[in-house]
């Protein structure tokens, strides 16, 4: 049996265990070959324990709050990172004009602007496929009467679909009669003219001519009804614009029916009257009027009934106050001398009247 060698632990340090390139290597004991079992090396077990403790210590130091905080404080390389709005522009594919903040409100505002662009594209697609739809919507937007529109664009008899044949004399007669009536012929003249065409054998030829004229008339009427409504709407907008210009000029003067409007209130007052504050297009003035109580409404109507003549209203108020003051004075139980002089009387009656002898 060979001599058993033990490991000198005094020569083993942490530096030796952690540094593979250390000059001093861990001595390995000589182990005799055993036929079946190999004895465990206690030095290796000690080395493994020391290494495990060292690794746990390094991990704990890395996970300390200071280390985590320092890691969080390290500036991220965000110079080349796109903003949220830029990412949305790229994803949605819409170059919406305007500035949008990098917050929830900015994203919501950007999404609303994109939705408007999508809606416009969809409307343009519909209008390109159905031009008559665009024409009708424009007509209604300008305040046109739908009955007049359909009477002009979709009449009871669509002459563009009428056909003149040799056999159908009734259609020939009806077309000629309609054209003559539109041309200003009286009922008697229409009847005589149609009969003359029929007797002369030229009714079909006159019907073809009349049909072409009627088709042109219908097309012209359809265009004119839309153009007329558009012109009326433009005229109405111009009148409204002139009216608001006049209102602003009156407010800027600073004096209205005896009321002085301070300079700081003029712009706010005009905005209160003219600018819309909701989706229905109502101004704050209309909203406030709807929220008025009954007494305030009656007061406004009374001012309107009095033609806003504030001088008479102020004079009437003063006279009413004077009458009330006089009534209160008359109701007071005071001597006449006190009521006239406004205080106690200075006159005192003598206790005894002098006799005639005393006077002489």
Protein backbone atom coordinates (compact mmCIF):
# COMPACT_ATOMS: atom_id res chain seq x y z
CA UNK A 1 0.00 0.00 0.00
CA UNK A 2 1.51 3.30 -1.08
CA UNK A 3 2.00 6.25 1.19
CA UNK A 4 -1.10 8.44 1.43
CA UNK A 5 -0.44 12.12 0.68
CA UNK A 6 -2.64 14.87 2.13
CA UNK A 7 -3.43 18.30 0.60
CA UNK A 8 -1.89 21.31 2.30
CA UNK A 9 -4.87 23.76 2.53
CA UNK A 10 -2.61 26.55 3.77
CA UNK A 11 -1.28 26.88 0.22
CA UNK A 12 -4.76 27.30 -1.32
CA UNK A 13 -6.16 30.85 -1.66
CA UNK A 14 -9.23 32.42 -3.33
CA UNK A 15 -6.98 34.03 -5.96
CA UNK A 16 -5.62 30.65 -6.89
CA UNK A 17 -9.11 29.24 -7.26
CA UNK A 18 -10.50 32.09 -9.39
CA UNK A 19 -7.43 32.71 -11.58
CA UNK A 20 -6.70 29.95 -14.01
CA UNK A 21 -3.43 31.62 -15.01
CA UNK A 22 -2.07 31.88 -11.48
CA UNK A 23 1.52 30.63 -11.21
CA UNK A 24 0.74 28.53 -8.21
CA UNK A 25 -1.50 25.66 -9.18
CA UNK A 26 -3.57 23.65 -6.83
CA UNK A 27 -1.59 20.58 -5.91
CA UNK A 28 -3.26 17.40 -6.91
CA UNK A 29 -2.79 14.37 -4.76
CA UNK A 30 -1.43 11.23 -6.26
CA UNK A 31 -4.15 8.64 -6.31
CA UNK A 32 -3.36 5.05 -6.79
CA UNK A 33 -5.37 3.22 -9.31
CA UNK A 34 -8.11 1.29 -7.68
CA UNK A 35 -9.69 -1.61 -9.39
CA UNK A 36 -13.29 -0.57 -8.82
CA UNK A 37 -13.73 2.63 -6.70
CA UNK A 38 -12.00 5.99 -6.61
CA UNK A 39 -11.71 7.85 -3.36
CA UNK A 40 -13.23 11.41 -3.38
CA UNK A 41 -10.76 14.24 -3.24
CA UNK A 42 -11.53 16.53 -0.26
CA UNK A 43 -9.48 19.35 -1.81
CA UNK A 44 -11.66 19.40 -4.90
CA UNK A 45 -14.77 19.60 -2.76
CA UNK A 46 -13.32 22.56 -0.86
CA UNK A 47 -12.37 24.27 -4.11
CA UNK A 48 -15.85 23.81 -5.53
CA UNK A 49 -17.41 25.29 -2.39
CA UNK A 50 -15.12 28.33 -2.49
CA UNK A 51 -15.88 28.94 -6.18
CA UNK A 52 -19.66 28.64 -5.58
CA UNK A 53 -19.49 31.14 -2.72
CA UNK A 54 -17.50 33.55 -4.87
CA UNK A 55 -20.03 33.31 -7.71
CA UNK A 56 -22.98 33.86 -5.34
CA UNK A 57 -21.25 36.92 -3.88
CA UNK A 58 -20.64 38.41 -7.33
CA UNK A 59 -24.32 37.83 -8.33
CA UNK A 60 -25.58 39.46 -5.13
CA UNK A 61 -23.36 42.47 -5.73
CA UNK A 62 -24.70 42.78 -9.26
CA UNK A 63 -28.29 42.66 -8.02
CA UNK A 64 -27.91 45.36 -5.35
CA UNK A 65 -30.18 48.46 -5.67
CA UNK A 66 -27.20 50.62 -6.54
CA UNK A 67 -26.32 48.36 -9.42
CA UNK A 68 -29.90 48.23 -10.66
CA UNK A 69 -30.26 51.99 -10.35
CA UNK A 70 -27.02 52.59 -12.20
CA UNK A 71 -28.21 50.26 -14.94
CA UNK A 72 -31.50 52.14 -15.20
CA UNK A 73 -29.74 55.48 -15.26
CA UNK A 74 -27.67 54.50 -18.24
CA UNK A 75 -28.95 56.58 -21.18
CA UNK A 76 -30.50 54.51 -23.92
CA UNK A 77 -29.48 55.09 -27.47
CA UNK A 78 -32.73 56.77 -28.59
CA UNK A 79 -31.34 59.34 -31.00
CA UNK A 80 -32.20 57.21 -34.03
CA UNK A 81 -35.46 55.79 -32.62
CA UNK A 82 -38.59 57.19 -34.37
CA UNK A 83 -41.29 58.94 -32.37
CA UNK A 84 -44.75 57.50 -31.78
CA UNK A 85 -46.32 59.84 -34.35
CA UNK A 86 -43.66 58.93 -36.93
CA UNK A 87 -44.37 55.24 -36.39
CA UNK A 88 -48.10 55.86 -36.82
CA UNK A 89 -47.47 57.84 -40.00
CA UNK A 90 -45.43 54.97 -41.37
CA UNK A 91 -47.91 52.27 -40.35
CA UNK A 92 -51.02 54.10 -41.59
CA UNK A 93 -49.41 55.59 -44.68
CA UNK A 94 -50.93 59.09 -44.31
CA UNK A 95 -48.92 62.31 -44.28
CA UNK A 96 -51.26 64.40 -42.13
CA UNK A 97 -50.31 68.05 -41.83
CA UNK A 98 -49.95 69.62 -38.41
CA UNK A 99 -48.03 69.10 -35.19
CA UNK A 100 -49.01 66.35 -32.76
CA UNK A 101 -47.71 65.95 -29.21
CA UNK A 102 -46.07 62.70 -28.10
CA UNK A 103 -48.83 61.89 -25.60
CA UNK A 104 -52.32 60.39 -25.50
CA UNK A 105 -53.97 63.62 -26.69
CA UNK A 106 -51.54 63.92 -29.58
CA UNK A 107 -52.14 60.33 -30.67
CA UNK A 108 -55.92 60.82 -30.45
CA UNK A 109 -55.69 64.01 -32.48
CA UNK A 110 -53.53 62.31 -35.10
CA UNK A 111 -55.94 59.35 -35.31
CA UNK A 112 -58.86 61.75 -35.83
CA UNK A 113 -57.02 63.55 -38.63
CA UNK A 114 -56.23 60.24 -40.31
CA UNK A 115 -59.88 59.19 -39.98
CA UNK A 116 -60.92 62.37 -41.79
CA UNK A 117 -58.48 61.63 -44.60
CA UNK A 118 -59.82 58.08 -44.91
CA UNK A 119 -63.39 59.39 -45.02
CA UNK A 120 -62.46 61.86 -47.77
CA UNK A 121 -60.86 59.10 -49.82
CA UNK A 122 -63.94 56.92 -49.45
CA UNK A 123 -66.23 59.79 -50.48
CA UNK A 124 -64.03 60.57 -53.47
CA UNK A 125 -64.23 56.93 -54.50
CA UNK A 126 -68.02 56.95 -54.24
CA UNK A 127 -68.30 60.26 -56.08
CA UNK A 128 -66.06 59.04 -58.89
CA UNK A 129 -68.29 56.01 -59.36
CA UNK A 130 -71.59 57.87 -58.89
CA UNK A 131 -71.31 61.53 -59.96
CA UNK A 132 -75.06 62.03 -59.49
CA UNK A 133 -74.66 61.25 -55.79
CA UNK A 134 -72.07 64.02 -55.41
CA UNK A 135 -74.35 66.41 -57.28
CA UNK A 136 -77.30 65.63 -55.02
CA UNK A 137 -75.26 65.90 -51.79
CA UNK A 138 -73.85 69.24 -52.91
CA UNK A 139 -77.36 70.40 -53.71
CA UNK A 140 -78.66 69.37 -50.28
CA UNK A 141 -75.61 70.88 -48.56
CA UNK A 142 -76.51 74.21 -50.13
CA UNK A 143 -80.00 73.95 -48.68
CA UNK A 144 -81.83 72.82 -51.80
CA UNK A 145 -85.32 71.37 -51.80
CA UNK A 146 -85.14 67.64 -52.63
CA UNK A 147 -88.57 67.72 -54.33
CA UNK A 148 -87.43 70.32 -56.83
CA UNK A 149 -84.25 68.37 -57.45
CA UNK A 150 -85.99 65.12 -58.26
CA UNK A 151 -88.63 66.85 -60.35
CA UNK A 152 -85.85 68.25 -62.52
CA UNK A 153 -83.51 65.26 -62.56
CA UNK A 154 -86.05 62.42 -62.35
CA UNK A 155 -89.29 63.68 -63.92
CA UNK A 156 -92.41 61.61 -64.36
CA UNK A 157 -91.60 61.23 -68.05
CA UNK A 158 -87.94 60.76 -68.88
CA UNK A 159 -87.72 61.88 -72.49
CA UNK A 160 -84.23 60.47 -72.83
CA UNK A 161 -85.80 56.99 -72.68
CA UNK A 162 -88.72 57.71 -75.03
CA UNK A 163 -88.68 56.18 -78.52
CA UNK A 164 -90.76 57.33 -81.47
CA UNK A 165 -92.15 54.50 -83.62
CA UNK A 166 -94.38 54.46 -86.69
CA UNK A 167 -97.10 52.44 -85.04
CA UNK A 168 -97.47 54.35 -81.73
CA UNK A 169 -99.32 57.50 -82.80
CA UNK A 170 -100.39 58.29 -79.23
CA UNK A 171 -96.74 58.73 -78.17
CA UNK A 172 -96.16 61.00 -81.17
CA UNK A 173 -99.17 63.11 -80.25
CA UNK A 174 -98.18 63.33 -76.56
CA UNK A 175 -94.61 64.41 -77.33
CA UNK A 176 -95.72 67.13 -79.74
CA UNK A 177 -98.36 68.40 -77.30
CA UNK A 178 -95.83 68.62 -74.46
CA UNK A 179 -93.36 70.55 -76.58
CA UNK A 180 -96.00 73.00 -77.81
CA UNK A 181 -97.24 73.62 -74.25
CA UNK A 182 -93.73 74.32 -73.04
CA UNK A 183 -93.26 76.65 -76.00
CA UNK A 184 -96.19 78.82 -74.87
CA UNK A 185 -99.05 77.56 -77.03
CA UNK A 186 -102.55 77.68 -75.58
CA UNK A 187 -104.63 74.54 -75.20
CA UNK A 188 -106.71 75.34 -78.29
CA UNK A 189 -103.64 76.11 -80.37
CA UNK A 190 -101.99 72.87 -79.28
CA UNK A 191 -105.01 70.81 -80.33
CA UNK A 192 -105.30 72.52 -83.73
CA UNK A 193 -101.57 72.24 -84.47
CA UNK A 194 -101.41 68.55 -83.62
CA UNK A 195 -104.43 67.86 -85.85
CA UNK A 196 -102.82 69.79 -88.70
CA UNK A 197 -99.62 67.71 -88.34
CA UNK A 198 -101.69 64.56 -88.34
CA UNK A 199 -103.69 65.55 -91.42
CA UNK A 200 -100.54 66.55 -93.27
CA UNK A 201 -98.80 63.26 -92.40
CA UNK A 202 -95.90 64.96 -90.66
CA UNK A 203 -96.81 64.13 -87.06
CA UNK A 204 -93.99 61.57 -86.63
CA UNK A 205 -91.40 63.94 -88.03
CA UNK A 206 -92.58 66.73 -85.71
CA UNK A 207 -92.59 64.25 -82.82
CA UNK A 208 -88.92 63.39 -83.42
CA UNK A 209 -88.01 67.09 -83.48
CA UNK A 210 -90.07 67.78 -80.38
CA UNK A 211 -88.49 64.84 -78.55
CA UNK A 212 -84.98 66.20 -79.16
CA UNK A 213 -86.06 69.61 -77.89
CA UNK A 214 -87.64 68.10 -74.77
CA UNK A 215 -84.52 66.09 -74.00
CA UNK A 216 -82.42 69.26 -74.15
CA UNK A 217 -84.91 71.06 -71.93
CA UNK A 218 -84.75 68.35 -69.27
CA UNK A 219 -80.97 68.30 -69.26
CA UNK A 220 -80.87 72.08 -68.98
CA UNK A 221 -83.40 72.09 -66.14
CA UNK A 222 -81.37 69.52 -64.19
CA UNK A 223 -78.24 71.65 -64.51
CA UNK A 224 -80.02 74.92 -63.78
CA UNK A 225 -81.72 73.72 -60.59
CA UNK A 226 -78.33 72.76 -59.11
CA UNK A 227 -76.60 75.92 -60.34
CA UNK A 228 -79.42 78.11 -59.06
CA UNK A 229 -79.29 76.56 -55.60
CA UNK A 230 -75.53 76.91 -55.51
CA UNK A 231 -75.77 80.61 -56.41
CA UNK A 232 -78.44 81.18 -53.76
CA UNK A 233 -76.32 79.44 -51.15
CA UNK A 234 -73.30 81.54 -52.07
CA UNK A 235 -75.39 84.70 -51.86
CA UNK A 236 -76.72 83.64 -48.46
CA UNK A 237 -73.19 82.99 -47.16
CA UNK A 238 -72.10 86.40 -48.39
CA UNK A 239 -75.02 88.06 -46.63
CA UNK A 240 -74.21 86.22 -43.40
CA UNK A 241 -70.54 87.23 -43.67
CA UNK A 242 -71.49 90.88 -44.20
CA UNK A 243 -73.83 90.72 -41.23
CA UNK A 244 -71.12 89.37 -38.93
CA UNK A 245 -68.70 91.98 -40.23
CA UNK A 246 -71.22 94.66 -39.30
CA UNK A 247 -71.74 93.10 -35.86
CA UNK A 248 -68.00 93.06 -35.19
CA UNK A 249 -67.70 96.68 -36.27
CA UNK A 250 -70.51 97.66 -33.89
CA UNK A 251 -68.85 95.82 -31.01
CA UNK A 252 -65.47 97.41 -31.75
CA UNK A 253 -67.05 100.85 -31.38
CA UNK A 254 -67.44 100.09 -27.68
CA UNK A 255 -70.86 101.64 -27.14
CA UNK A 256 -74.19 99.90 -27.76
CA UNK A 257 -77.50 101.50 -26.75
CA UNK A 258 -75.92 103.25 -23.81
CA UNK A 259 -73.83 100.26 -22.76
CA UNK A 260 -70.07 100.64 -22.70
CA UNK A 261 -68.17 97.52 -23.85
CA UNK A 262 -64.64 97.42 -22.39
CA UNK A 263 -61.80 96.78 -24.81
CA UNK A 264 -60.87 93.55 -22.99
CA UNK A 265 -64.41 92.18 -23.50
CA UNK A 266 -64.94 92.98 -27.17
CA UNK A 267 -63.12 90.01 -28.68
CA UNK A 268 -64.56 87.58 -26.14
CA UNK A 269 -68.06 88.95 -26.69
CA UNK A 270 -67.78 88.53 -30.46
CA UNK A 271 -66.48 84.96 -30.06
CA UNK A 272 -69.35 84.19 -27.68
CA UNK A 273 -71.78 85.25 -30.39
CA UNK A 274 -70.15 83.82 -33.52
CA UNK A 275 -67.95 80.78 -32.83
CA UNK A 276 -69.38 77.25 -32.72
CA UNK A 277 -68.75 75.29 -29.52
CA UNK A 278 -70.28 71.89 -30.31
CA UNK A 279 -70.67 69.44 -33.18
CA UNK A 280 -74.14 70.81 -33.97
CA UNK A 281 -72.60 74.17 -34.86
CA UNK A 282 -74.25 76.02 -31.97
CA UNK A 283 -72.56 79.06 -30.52
CA UNK A 284 -72.17 79.69 -26.81
CA UNK A 285 -74.83 82.38 -27.17
CA UNK A 286 -77.39 79.80 -28.32
CA UNK A 287 -76.37 77.39 -25.57
CA UNK A 288 -76.77 80.09 -22.92
CA UNK A 289 -80.16 81.12 -24.29
CA UNK A 290 -81.39 77.55 -24.07
CA UNK A 291 -80.27 77.41 -20.43
CA UNK A 292 -82.04 80.65 -19.43
CA UNK A 293 -84.68 80.44 -16.72
CA UNK A 294 -88.19 81.73 -17.38
CA UNK A 295 -87.75 85.04 -15.55
CA UNK A 296 -84.63 85.90 -17.55
CA UNK A 297 -86.40 85.05 -20.80
CA UNK A 298 -89.34 87.30 -19.88
CA UNK A 299 -86.91 90.12 -19.02
CA UNK A 300 -85.24 89.77 -22.40
CA UNK A 301 -88.59 89.80 -24.17
CA UNK A 302 -89.63 92.90 -22.20
CA UNK A 303 -86.49 94.72 -23.33
CA UNK A 304 -87.27 93.70 -26.90
CA UNK A 305 -90.87 94.88 -26.54
CA UNK A 306 -89.63 98.25 -25.25
CA UNK A 307 -87.37 98.53 -28.32
CA UNK A 308 -84.38 98.55 -25.96
CA UNK A 309 -85.07 102.20 -25.09
CA UNK A 310 -82.98 102.19 -21.92
CA UNK A 311 -83.52 105.89 -21.23
CA UNK A 312 -87.24 105.37 -20.72
CA UNK A 313 -86.64 102.25 -18.68
CA UNK A 314 -84.16 104.04 -16.38
CA UNK A 315 -86.51 107.04 -16.02
CA UNK A 316 -89.41 104.75 -15.18
CA UNK A 317 -87.28 102.99 -12.55
CA UNK A 318 -86.32 106.31 -10.92
CA UNK A 319 -89.94 107.51 -10.83
CA UNK A 320 -90.98 104.21 -9.28
CA UNK A 321 -88.37 104.58 -6.55
CA UNK A 322 -89.46 108.16 -5.83
CA UNK A 323 -93.07 107.09 -5.56
CA UNK A 324 -92.14 104.31 -3.18
CA UNK A 325 -90.12 106.70 -1.00
CA UNK A 326 -92.98 109.21 -0.89
CA UNK A 327 -95.44 106.48 0.04
CA UNK A 328 -93.18 105.35 2.87
CA UNK A 329 -92.94 108.92 4.22
CA UNK A 330 -96.70 109.42 4.11
CA UNK A 331 -97.23 106.19 6.00
CA UNK A 332 -95.01 107.35 8.85
CA UNK A 333 -96.99 108.67 11.90
CA UNK A 334 -95.18 111.99 12.35
CA UNK A 335 -96.38 115.60 12.66
CA UNK A 336 -96.50 117.61 9.46
CA UNK A 337 -93.75 119.92 10.69
CA UNK A 338 -91.40 116.95 11.19
CA UNK A 339 -92.26 115.45 7.81
CA UNK A 340 -91.66 118.79 6.05
CA UNK A 341 -88.39 119.68 7.81
CA UNK A 342 -87.18 116.11 8.11
CA UNK A 343 -86.68 116.32 11.88
CA UNK A 344 -88.13 117.52 15.17
CA UNK A 345 -89.95 120.85 15.18
CA UNK A 346 -88.18 123.74 16.95
CA UNK A 347 -91.49 125.56 17.76
CA UNK A 348 -92.87 125.09 21.27
CA UNK A 349 -96.36 126.28 22.21
CA UNK A 350 -96.61 128.42 25.45
CA UNK A 351 -98.13 126.78 28.44
CA UNK A 352 -100.62 129.72 28.99
CA UNK A 353 -101.81 132.33 26.55
CA UNK A 354 -101.20 136.01 27.69
CA UNK A 355 -104.23 138.13 28.52
CA UNK A 356 -105.16 141.42 26.87
CA UNK A 357 -104.03 143.31 29.98
CA UNK A 358 -100.63 141.76 29.81
CA UNK A 359 -100.25 142.67 26.20
CA UNK A 360 -101.17 146.36 26.80
